[in-house]
Amino acid sequence: MISLAIDGAIAVATLCRAPVNAINDEWLTRLDEVLTEIEQAPDVAVLWLRSSERVFCAGADLEFMRARFLTEEGRERMIAFTRRLQEVYARLERIGVVSVAEIGGAALGGGFELALACDLRFVADSARIGLPEARLGLLPAAGGTQRMTRLCGEAISRRLILGAEIVAGADAVALGLAQWVAPAKELQESTRALVERIAKLPKQALAACKECIGVAASGSDQGYEVELAGSKMLLGTADTQERVRRFLEKE
């Protein structure tokens, strides 16, 4: 369902539940396990999330949905599952490494909510992206309304979610849904170059920067204090001291 390969500072998590990486209980349990494995790998600084299929992730498994929408008890189980999905995606968002989603194909509903929980998104120009749940009388409840609004602003979020709009890769970047776009044939190597560049940076500095950005995004007024605390921590590390020393010696 999701394979994990760790090589030094880079962890590659590959969605591999053919044909469309549909989300169900087992898939979510495996994602949670992958996050645990990454947290327990002390050298990992970057999580590269990608797919082995033509689709990145098409959202909820249809059979999974059928089994839950026909009865009141089933619908209550669906709400419980959605809460768990929120929790695991929030864990991905908070994980102390930089997460990069490589989106080579469709990323819809819960599949795009997964990508939204990552720090960075690199999309293929031919990818199809959106949160079209309103078409089914539903809403993107795995954090989609919250993260898209924080990322893109209220106007764009209203346009895409209320209009159940699906956009192409280049439009996704223009709207703020992703940071980079590349031709589909070049996407993997372009993402690899980004991941390898980030992996060369100090893990502690990346984690501290990520924490500060998260505080700012939450609207907290404690961001400046968090910056100071992070700076104090980093200045006390041998790695930072050596890097700054080398930098100053060059000048």
C-alpha atoms as a PDB file:
ATOM      1  CA  MET A   1       0.000   0.000   0.000  1.00  0.00           C
ATOM      2  CA  ILE A   2       2.777   2.401   0.970  1.00  0.00           C
ATOM      3  CA  SER A   3       6.406   1.329   0.721  1.00  0.00           C
ATOM      4  CA  LEU A   4       9.202   3.117   2.550  1.00  0.00           C
ATOM      5  CA  ALA A   5      12.869   3.327   1.617  1.00  0.00           C
ATOM      6  CA  ILE A   6      15.347   5.282   3.726  1.00  0.00           C
ATOM      7  CA  ASP A   7      18.718   6.342   2.365  1.00  0.00           C
ATOM      8  CA  GLY A   8      20.621   8.625   4.712  1.00  0.00           C
ATOM      9  CA  ALA A   9      18.762  11.921   5.070  1.00  0.00           C
ATOM     10  CA  ILE A  10      16.033  11.012   2.542  1.00  0.00           C
ATOM     11  CA  ALA A  11      12.975   8.843   3.163  1.00  0.00           C
ATOM     12  CA  VAL A  12      10.940   7.905   0.088  1.00  0.00           C
ATOM     13  CA  ALA A  13       7.351   6.853   0.791  1.00  0.00           C
ATOM     14  CA  THR A  14       5.713   5.426  -2.333  1.00  0.00           C
ATOM     15  CA  LEU A  15       1.953   5.057  -2.603  1.00  0.00           C
ATOM     16  CA  CYS A  16       1.509   1.691  -4.308  1.00  0.00           C
ATOM     17  CA  ARG A  17      -2.070   0.524  -3.898  1.00  0.00           C
ATOM     18  CA  ALA A  18      -3.094  -0.121  -7.492  1.00  0.00           C
ATOM     19  CA  PRO A  19      -4.783   1.221  -9.422  1.00  0.00           C
ATOM     20  CA  VAL A  20      -5.491   4.636  -7.857  1.00  0.00           C
ATOM     21  CA  ASN A  21      -4.067   4.503  -4.294  1.00  0.00           C
ATOM     22  CA  ALA A  22      -7.584   4.591  -2.868  1.00  0.00           C
ATOM     23  CA  ILE A  23      -7.827   5.341   0.848  1.00  0.00           C
ATOM     24  CA  ASN A  24      -9.235   2.816   3.341  1.00  0.00           C
ATOM     25  CA  ASP A  25      -8.537   1.666   6.917  1.00  0.00           C
ATOM     26  CA  GLU A  26      -5.503  -0.426   6.004  1.00  0.00           C
ATOM     27  CA  TRP A  27      -4.005   2.358   3.883  1.00  0.00           C
ATOM     28  CA  LEU A  28      -4.361   4.844   6.728  1.00  0.00           C
ATOM     29  CA  THR A  29      -2.860   2.441   9.255  1.00  0.00           C
ATOM     30  CA  ARG A  30       0.113   1.962   6.960  1.00  0.00           C
ATOM     31  CA  LEU A  31       0.598   5.727   6.556  1.00  0.00           C
ATOM     32  CA  ASP A  32       0.633   6.078  10.334  1.00  0.00           C
ATOM     33  CA  GLU A  33       3.246   3.296  10.550  1.00  0.00           C
ATOM     34  CA  VAL A  34       5.400   5.021   7.925  1.00  0.00           C
ATOM     35  CA  LEU A  35       5.365   8.242   9.931  1.00  0.00           C
ATOM     36  CA  THR A  36       6.476   6.310  13.020  1.00  0.00           C
ATOM     37  CA  GLU A  37       9.351   4.731  11.088  1.00  0.00           C
ATOM     38  CA  ILE A  38      10.483   8.135   9.858  1.00  0.00           C
ATOM     39  CA  GLU A  39      10.326   9.653  13.335  1.00  0.00           C
ATOM     40  CA  GLN A  40      12.496   6.806  14.601  1.00  0.00           C
ATOM     41  CA  ALA A  41      15.144   7.328  11.880  1.00  0.00           C
ATOM     42  CA  PRO A  42      17.505   9.944  13.379  1.00  0.00           C
ATOM     43  CA  ASP A  43      19.210  10.933  10.124  1.00  0.00           C
ATOM     44  CA  VAL A  44      16.106  11.552   7.997  1.00  0.00           C
ATOM     45  CA  ALA A  45      15.620  15.244   7.142  1.00  0.00           C
ATOM     46  CA  VAL A  46      13.302  14.947   4.118  1.00  0.00           C
ATOM     47  CA  LEU A  47      10.239  12.819   3.366  1.00  0.00           C
ATOM     48  CA  TRP A  48       9.592  12.412  -0.364  1.00  0.00           C
ATOM     49  CA  LEU A  49       6.001  11.263  -0.922  1.00  0.00           C
ATOM     50  CA  ARG A  50       5.257   9.927  -4.386  1.00  0.00           C
ATOM     51  CA  SER A  51       3.194   7.344  -6.271  1.00  0.00           C
ATOM     52  CA  SER A  52       4.035   4.264  -8.318  1.00  0.00           C
ATOM     53  CA  GLU A  53       0.734   4.622 -10.174  1.00  0.00           C
ATOM     54  CA  ARG A  54      -0.447   7.056 -12.861  1.00  0.00           C
ATOM     55  CA  VAL A  55      -2.671   8.608 -10.180  1.00  0.00           C
ATOM     56  CA  PHE A  56      -1.172  10.232  -7.082  1.00  0.00           C
ATOM     57  CA  CYS A  57      -4.218   9.431  -4.922  1.00  0.00           C
ATOM     58  CA  ALA A  58      -7.852   9.498  -6.016  1.00  0.00           C
ATOM     59  CA  GLY A  59      -9.331   9.737  -2.522  1.00  0.00           C
ATOM     60  CA  ALA A  60     -11.572   7.326  -0.641  1.00  0.00           C
ATOM     61  CA  ASP A  61     -11.968   3.711  -1.760  1.00  0.00           C
ATOM     62  CA  LEU A  62     -15.407   3.276  -3.361  1.00  0.00           C
ATOM     63  CA  GLU A  63     -16.081  -0.121  -1.773  1.00  0.00           C
ATOM     64  CA  PHE A  64     -15.049   1.333   1.562  1.00  0.00           C
ATOM     65  CA  MET A  65     -17.571   4.145   1.076  1.00  0.00           C
ATOM     66  CA  ARG A  66     -20.371   1.812  -0.044  1.00  0.00           C
ATOM     67  CA  ALA A  67     -19.985  -0.253   3.130  1.00  0.00           C
ATOM     68  CA  ARG A  68     -20.493   2.829   5.285  1.00  0.00           C
ATOM     69  CA  PHE A  69     -23.015   5.082   3.590  1.00  0.00           C
ATOM     70  CA  LEU A  70     -25.975   2.705   3.486  1.00  0.00           C
ATOM     71  CA  THR A  71     -26.784   2.631   7.219  1.00  0.00           C
ATOM     72  CA  GLU A  72     -26.762   5.103  10.090  1.00  0.00           C
ATOM     73  CA  GLU A  73     -24.233   2.937  11.939  1.00  0.00           C
ATOM     74  CA  GLY A  74     -22.031   2.876   8.864  1.00  0.00           C
ATOM     75  CA  ARG A  75     -22.196   6.642   8.526  1.00  0.00           C
ATOM     76  CA  GLU A  76     -21.117   7.021  12.156  1.00  0.00           C
ATOM     77  CA  ARG A  77     -18.162   4.752  11.407  1.00  0.00           C
ATOM     78  CA  MET A  78     -17.341   7.002   8.455  1.00  0.00           C
ATOM     79  CA  ILE A  79     -17.227  10.046  10.745  1.00  0.00           C
ATOM     80  CA  ALA A  80     -14.879   8.160  13.094  1.00  0.00           C
ATOM     81  CA  PHE A  81     -12.665   7.252  10.151  1.00  0.00           C
ATOM     82  CA  THR A  82     -12.592  10.870   8.973  1.00  0.00           C
ATOM     83  CA  ARG A  83     -11.506  11.986  12.444  1.00  0.00           C
ATOM     84  CA  ARG A  84      -8.680   9.452  12.312  1.00  0.00           C
ATOM     85  CA  LEU A  85      -7.743  10.708   8.839  1.00  0.00           C
ATOM     86  CA  GLN A  86      -7.565  14.240  10.241  1.00  0.00           C
ATOM     87  CA  GLU A  87      -5.295  13.045  13.040  1.00  0.00           C
ATOM     88  CA  VAL A  88      -2.846  11.186  10.797  1.00  0.00           C
ATOM     89  CA  TYR A  89      -2.690  14.034   8.274  1.00  0.00           C
ATOM     90  CA  ALA A  90      -2.050  16.449  11.156  1.00  0.00           C
ATOM     91  CA  ARG A  91       0.762  14.165  12.273  1.00  0.00           C
ATOM     92  CA  LEU A  92       2.241  14.342   8.774  1.00  0.00           C
ATOM     93  CA  GLU A  93       1.931  18.129   8.850  1.00  0.00           C
ATOM     94  CA  ARG A  94       3.752  18.341  12.213  1.00  0.00           C
ATOM     95  CA  ILE A  95       6.452  15.748  11.576  1.00  0.00           C
ATOM     96  CA  GLY A  96       9.926  17.131  12.238  1.00  0.00           C
ATOM     97  CA  VAL A  97      11.215  16.671   8.695  1.00  0.00           C
ATOM     98  CA  VAL A  98      10.503  18.519   5.460  1.00  0.00           C
ATOM     99  CA  SER A  99       7.797  16.700   3.483  1.00  0.00           C
ATOM    100  CA  VAL A 100       7.666  16.953  -0.310  1.00  0.00           C
ATOM    101  CA  ALA A 101       4.744  15.602  -2.364  1.00  0.00           C
ATOM    102  CA  GLU A 102       5.458  14.650  -5.972  1.00  0.00           C
ATOM    103  CA  ILE A 103       2.084  14.785  -7.740  1.00  0.00           C
ATOM    104  CA  GLY A 104       2.329  13.151 -11.135  1.00  0.00           C
ATOM    105  CA  GLY A 105      -1.352  12.427 -11.714  1.00  0.00           C
ATOM    106  CA  ALA A 106      -4.765  13.039 -10.245  1.00  0.00           C
ATOM    107  CA  ALA A 107      -4.833  14.138  -6.603  1.00  0.00           C
ATOM    108  CA  LEU A 108      -8.458  14.480  -5.597  1.00  0.00           C
ATOM    109  CA  GLY A 109     -10.416  14.681  -2.363  1.00  0.00           C
ATOM    110  CA  GLY A 110      -8.585  12.914   0.436  1.00  0.00           C
ATOM    111  CA  GLY A 111      -5.674  12.370  -1.941  1.00  0.00           C
ATOM    112  CA  PHE A 112      -5.095  16.080  -2.358  1.00  0.00           C
ATOM    113  CA  GLU A 113      -5.732  16.638   1.347  1.00  0.00           C
ATOM    114  CA  LEU A 114      -2.765  14.298   1.891  1.00  0.00           C
ATOM    115  CA  ALA A 115      -0.614  16.501  -0.353  1.00  0.00           C
ATOM    116  CA  LEU A 116      -1.861  19.650   1.405  1.00  0.00           C
ATOM    117  CA  ALA A 117      -0.516  18.232   4.683  1.00  0.00           C
ATOM    118  CA  CYS A 118       2.978  18.217   3.161  1.00  0.00           C
ATOM    119  CA  ASP A 119       5.294  21.216   3.323  1.00  0.00           C
ATOM    120  CA  LEU A 120       6.033  21.358  -0.393  1.00  0.00           C
ATOM    121  CA  ARG A 121       4.254  20.195  -3.552  1.00  0.00           C
ATOM    122  CA  PHE A 122       5.781  19.592  -7.004  1.00  0.00           C
ATOM    123  CA  VAL A 123       3.142  18.863  -9.672  1.00  0.00           C
ATOM    124  CA  ALA A 124       3.154  17.611 -13.238  1.00  0.00           C
ATOM    125  CA  ASP A 125       1.662  19.992 -15.776  1.00  0.00           C
ATOM    126  CA  SER A 126      -0.848  17.262 -16.680  1.00  0.00           C
ATOM    127  CA  ALA A 127      -1.897  16.527 -13.079  1.00  0.00           C
ATOM    128  CA  ARG A 128      -5.515  17.111 -12.032  1.00  0.00           C
ATOM    129  CA  ILE A 129      -5.981  18.571  -8.572  1.00  0.00           C
ATOM    130  CA  GLY A 130      -8.964  19.494  -6.477  1.00  0.00           C
ATOM    131  CA  LEU A 131     -11.379  18.977  -3.605  1.00  0.00           C
ATOM    132  CA  PRO A 132     -14.638  18.216  -5.477  1.00  0.00           C
ATOM    133  CA  GLU A 133     -16.539  16.656  -2.547  1.00  0.00           C
ATOM    134  CA  ALA A 134     -19.424  19.128  -2.886  1.00  0.00           C
ATOM    135  CA  ARG A 135     -20.462  17.272  -6.046  1.00  0.00           C
ATOM    136  CA  LEU A 136     -21.481  14.380  -3.783  1.00  0.00           C
ATOM    137  CA  GLY A 137     -23.092  16.584  -1.164  1.00  0.00           C
ATOM    138  CA  LEU A 138     -20.020  16.211   1.054  1.00  0.00           C
ATOM    139  CA  LEU A 139     -17.135  18.404   2.150  1.00  0.00           C
ATOM    140  CA  PRO A 140     -13.345  17.873   2.275  1.00  0.00           C
ATOM    141  CA  ALA A 141     -13.222  17.044   5.972  1.00  0.00           C
ATOM    142  CA  ALA A 142      -9.693  15.625   6.324  1.00  0.00           C
ATOM    143  CA  GLY A 143      -8.405  19.154   6.828  1.00  0.00           C
ATOM    144  CA  GLY A 144      -8.974  20.299   3.258  1.00  0.00           C
ATOM    145  CA  THR A 145     -11.081  23.364   3.998  1.00  0.00           C
ATOM    146  CA  GLN A 146      -8.622  24.512   6.651  1.00  0.00           C
ATOM    147  CA  ARG A 147      -5.313  23.932   4.875  1.00  0.00           C
ATOM    148  CA  MET A 148      -6.441  25.214   1.484  1.00  0.00           C
ATOM    149  CA  THR A 149      -7.765  28.410   3.049  1.00  0.00           C
ATOM    150  CA  ARG A 150      -4.512  28.971   4.965  1.00  0.00           C
ATOM    151  CA  LEU A 151      -2.450  28.326   1.832  1.00  0.00           C
ATOM    152  CA  CYS A 152      -4.422  30.154  -0.825  1.00  0.00           C
ATOM    153  CA  GLY A 153      -6.648  32.569   1.040  1.00  0.00           C
ATOM    154  CA  GLU A 154     -10.392  32.682   1.433  1.00  0.00           C
ATOM    155  CA  ALA A 155     -11.239  33.766  -2.121  1.00  0.00           C
ATOM    156  CA  ILE A 156      -9.375  30.929  -3.851  1.00  0.00           C
ATOM    157  CA  SER A 157     -10.593  28.382  -1.318  1.00  0.00           C
ATOM    158  CA  ARG A 158     -14.197  29.445  -1.891  1.00  0.00           C
ATOM    159  CA  ARG A 159     -13.718  29.270  -5.649  1.00  0.00           C
ATOM    160  CA  LEU A 160     -12.255  25.775  -5.667  1.00  0.00           C
ATOM    161  CA  ILE A 161     -14.217  24.097  -2.880  1.00  0.00           C
ATOM    162  CA  LEU A 162     -17.625  25.719  -3.419  1.00  0.00           C
ATOM    163  CA  GLY A 163     -17.279  25.295  -7.177  1.00  0.00           C
ATOM    164  CA  ALA A 164     -15.969  21.714  -6.841  1.00  0.00           C
ATOM    165  CA  GLU A 165     -13.320  22.804  -9.352  1.00  0.00           C
ATOM    166  CA  ILE A 166     -10.507  20.580 -10.589  1.00  0.00           C
ATOM    167  CA  VAL A 167      -7.449  22.366 -11.971  1.00  0.00           C
ATOM    168  CA  ALA A 168      -4.356  21.398 -13.944  1.00  0.00           C
ATOM    169  CA  GLY A 169      -0.814  21.477 -12.592  1.00  0.00           C
ATOM    170  CA  ALA A 170       0.208  24.897 -13.914  1.00  0.00           C
ATOM    171  CA  ASP A 171      -3.005  26.438 -12.596  1.00  0.00           C
ATOM    172  CA  ALA A 172      -2.397  24.801  -9.215  1.00  0.00           C
ATOM    173  CA  VAL A 173       0.900  26.682  -8.900  1.00  0.00           C
ATOM    174  CA  ALA A 174      -0.661  29.960 -10.039  1.00  0.00           C
ATOM    175  CA  LEU A 175      -3.379  29.580  -7.394  1.00  0.00           C
ATOM    176  CA  GLY A 176      -0.926  28.741  -4.608  1.00  0.00           C
ATOM    177  CA  LEU A 177      -1.851  25.063  -4.265  1.00  0.00           C
ATOM    178  CA  ALA A 178       1.673  23.939  -5.161  1.00  0.00           C
ATOM    179  CA  GLN A 179       5.082  25.562  -5.403  1.00  0.00           C
ATOM    180  CA  TRP A 180       6.489  24.073  -8.629  1.00  0.00           C
ATOM    181  CA  VAL A 181       5.280  22.547 -11.885  1.00  0.00           C
ATOM    182  CA  ALA A 182       7.204  20.460 -14.417  1.00  0.00           C
ATOM    183  CA  PRO A 183       6.427  18.450 -17.546  1.00  0.00           C
ATOM    184  CA  ALA A 184       5.274  14.984 -16.512  1.00  0.00           C
ATOM    185  CA  LYS A 185       8.362  13.301 -17.998  1.00  0.00           C
ATOM    186  CA  GLU A 186      10.639  15.556 -15.961  1.00  0.00           C
ATOM    187  CA  LEU A 187       8.715  15.549 -12.694  1.00  0.00           C
ATOM    188  CA  GLN A 188      10.537  12.756 -10.880  1.00  0.00           C
ATOM    189  CA  GLU A 189      14.014  14.096 -11.611  1.00  0.00           C
ATOM    190  CA  SER A 190      12.971  17.662 -10.837  1.00  0.00           C
ATOM    191  CA  THR A 191      11.544  16.542  -7.494  1.00  0.00           C
ATOM    192  CA  ARG A 192      14.625  14.446  -6.811  1.00  0.00           C
ATOM    193  CA  ALA A 193      16.843  17.493  -7.327  1.00  0.00           C
ATOM    194  CA  LEU A 194      14.739  19.488  -4.868  1.00  0.00           C
ATOM    195  CA  VAL A 195      14.747  16.701  -2.272  1.00  0.00           C
ATOM    196  CA  GLU A 196      18.498  16.186  -2.547  1.00  0.00           C
ATOM    197  CA  ARG A 197      19.142  19.918  -2.188  1.00  0.00           C
ATOM    198  CA  ILE A 198      17.043  20.115   0.966  1.00  0.00           C
ATOM    199  CA  ALA A 199      18.625  16.939   2.355  1.00  0.00           C
ATOM    200  CA  LYS A 200      22.022  18.665   2.387  1.00  0.00           C
ATOM    201  CA  LEU A 201      20.749  21.251   4.866  1.00  0.00           C
ATOM    202  CA  PRO A 202      21.013  20.693   8.649  1.00  0.00           C
ATOM    203  CA  LYS A 203      18.057  18.683   9.957  1.00  0.00           C
ATOM    204  CA  GLN A 204      17.804  20.675  13.194  1.00  0.00           C
ATOM    205  CA  ALA A 205      17.675  23.987  11.329  1.00  0.00           C
ATOM    206  CA  LEU A 206      15.008  22.686   8.961  1.00  0.00           C
ATOM    207  CA  ALA A 207      12.878  21.438  11.854  1.00  0.00           C
ATOM    208  CA  ALA A 208      13.210  24.739  13.713  1.00  0.00           C
ATOM    209  CA  CYS A 209      12.328  26.762  10.614  1.00  0.00           C
ATOM    210  CA  LYS A 210       9.322  24.515   9.992  1.00  0.00           C
ATOM    211  CA  GLU A 211       8.111  25.003  13.551  1.00  0.00           C
ATOM    212  CA  CYS A 212       8.331  28.792  13.245  1.00  0.00           C
ATOM    213  CA  ILE A 213       6.411  28.808   9.952  1.00  0.00           C
ATOM    214  CA  GLY A 214       3.750  26.600  11.532  1.00  0.00           C
ATOM    215  CA  VAL A 215       3.337  29.014  14.422  1.00  0.00           C
ATOM    216  CA  ALA A 216       2.933  31.921  11.999  1.00  0.00           C
ATOM    217  CA  ALA A 217       0.374  29.997   9.934  1.00  0.00           C
ATOM    218  CA  SER A 218      -1.651  29.240  13.060  1.00  0.00           C
ATOM    219  CA  GLY A 219      -2.116  32.941  13.764  1.00  0.00           C
ATOM    220  CA  SER A 220      -0.361  32.725  17.124  1.00  0.00           C
ATOM    221  CA  ASP A 221       1.300  35.855  18.495  1.00  0.00           C
ATOM    222  CA  GLN A 222       4.150  33.766  19.946  1.00  0.00           C
ATOM    223  CA  GLY A 223       6.100  33.495  16.695  1.00  0.00           C
ATOM    224  CA  TYR A 224       8.863  35.900  17.651  1.00  0.00           C
ATOM    225  CA  GLU A 225       9.492  34.069  20.907  1.00  0.00           C
ATOM    226  CA  VAL A 226       9.561  30.749  19.081  1.00  0.00           C
ATOM    227  CA  GLU A 227      12.151  32.232  16.690  1.00  0.00           C
ATOM    228  CA  LEU A 228      14.322  33.308  19.608  1.00  0.00           C
ATOM    229  CA  ALA A 229      14.040  29.927  21.320  1.00  0.00           C
ATOM    230  CA  GLY A 230      14.918  28.154  18.079  1.00  0.00           C
ATOM    231  CA  SER A 231      17.870  30.453  17.464  1.00  0.00           C
ATOM    232  CA  LYS A 232      19.193  29.841  20.978  1.00  0.00           C
ATOM    233  CA  MET A 233      18.899  26.087  20.499  1.00  0.00           C
ATOM    234  CA  LEU A 234      20.661  26.125  17.123  1.00  0.00           C
ATOM    235  CA  LEU A 235      23.448  28.433  18.284  1.00  0.00           C
ATOM    236  CA  GLY A 236      24.208  25.906  20.996  1.00  0.00           C
ATOM    237  CA  THR A 237      24.795  23.046  18.552  1.00  0.00           C
ATOM    238  CA  ALA A 238      28.252  22.060  17.343  1.00  0.00           C
ATOM    239  CA  ASP A 239      27.023  21.771  13.760  1.00  0.00           C
ATOM    240  CA  THR A 240      25.747  25.350  13.606  1.00  0.00           C
ATOM    241  CA  GLN A 241      28.860  26.688  15.312  1.00  0.00           C
ATOM    242  CA  GLU A 242      31.069  24.930  12.778  1.00  0.00           C
ATOM    243  CA  ARG A 243      28.986  26.078   9.788  1.00  0.00           C
ATOM    244  CA  VAL A 244      28.998  29.693  10.950  1.00  0.00           C
ATOM    245  CA  ARG A 245      32.718  29.520  11.684  1.00  0.00           C
ATOM    246  CA  ARG A 246      33.463  28.271   8.175  1.00  0.00           C
ATOM    247  CA  PHE A 247      31.224  30.959   6.668  1.00  0.00           C
ATOM    248  CA  LEU A 248      32.961  33.737   8.593  1.00  0.00           C
ATOM    249  CA  GLU A 249      36.388  32.473   7.659  1.00  0.00           C
ATOM    250  CA  LYS A 250      35.482  32.775   3.971  1.00  0.00           C
ATOM    251  CA  GLU A 251      34.478  36.413   4.313  1.00  0.00           C
END
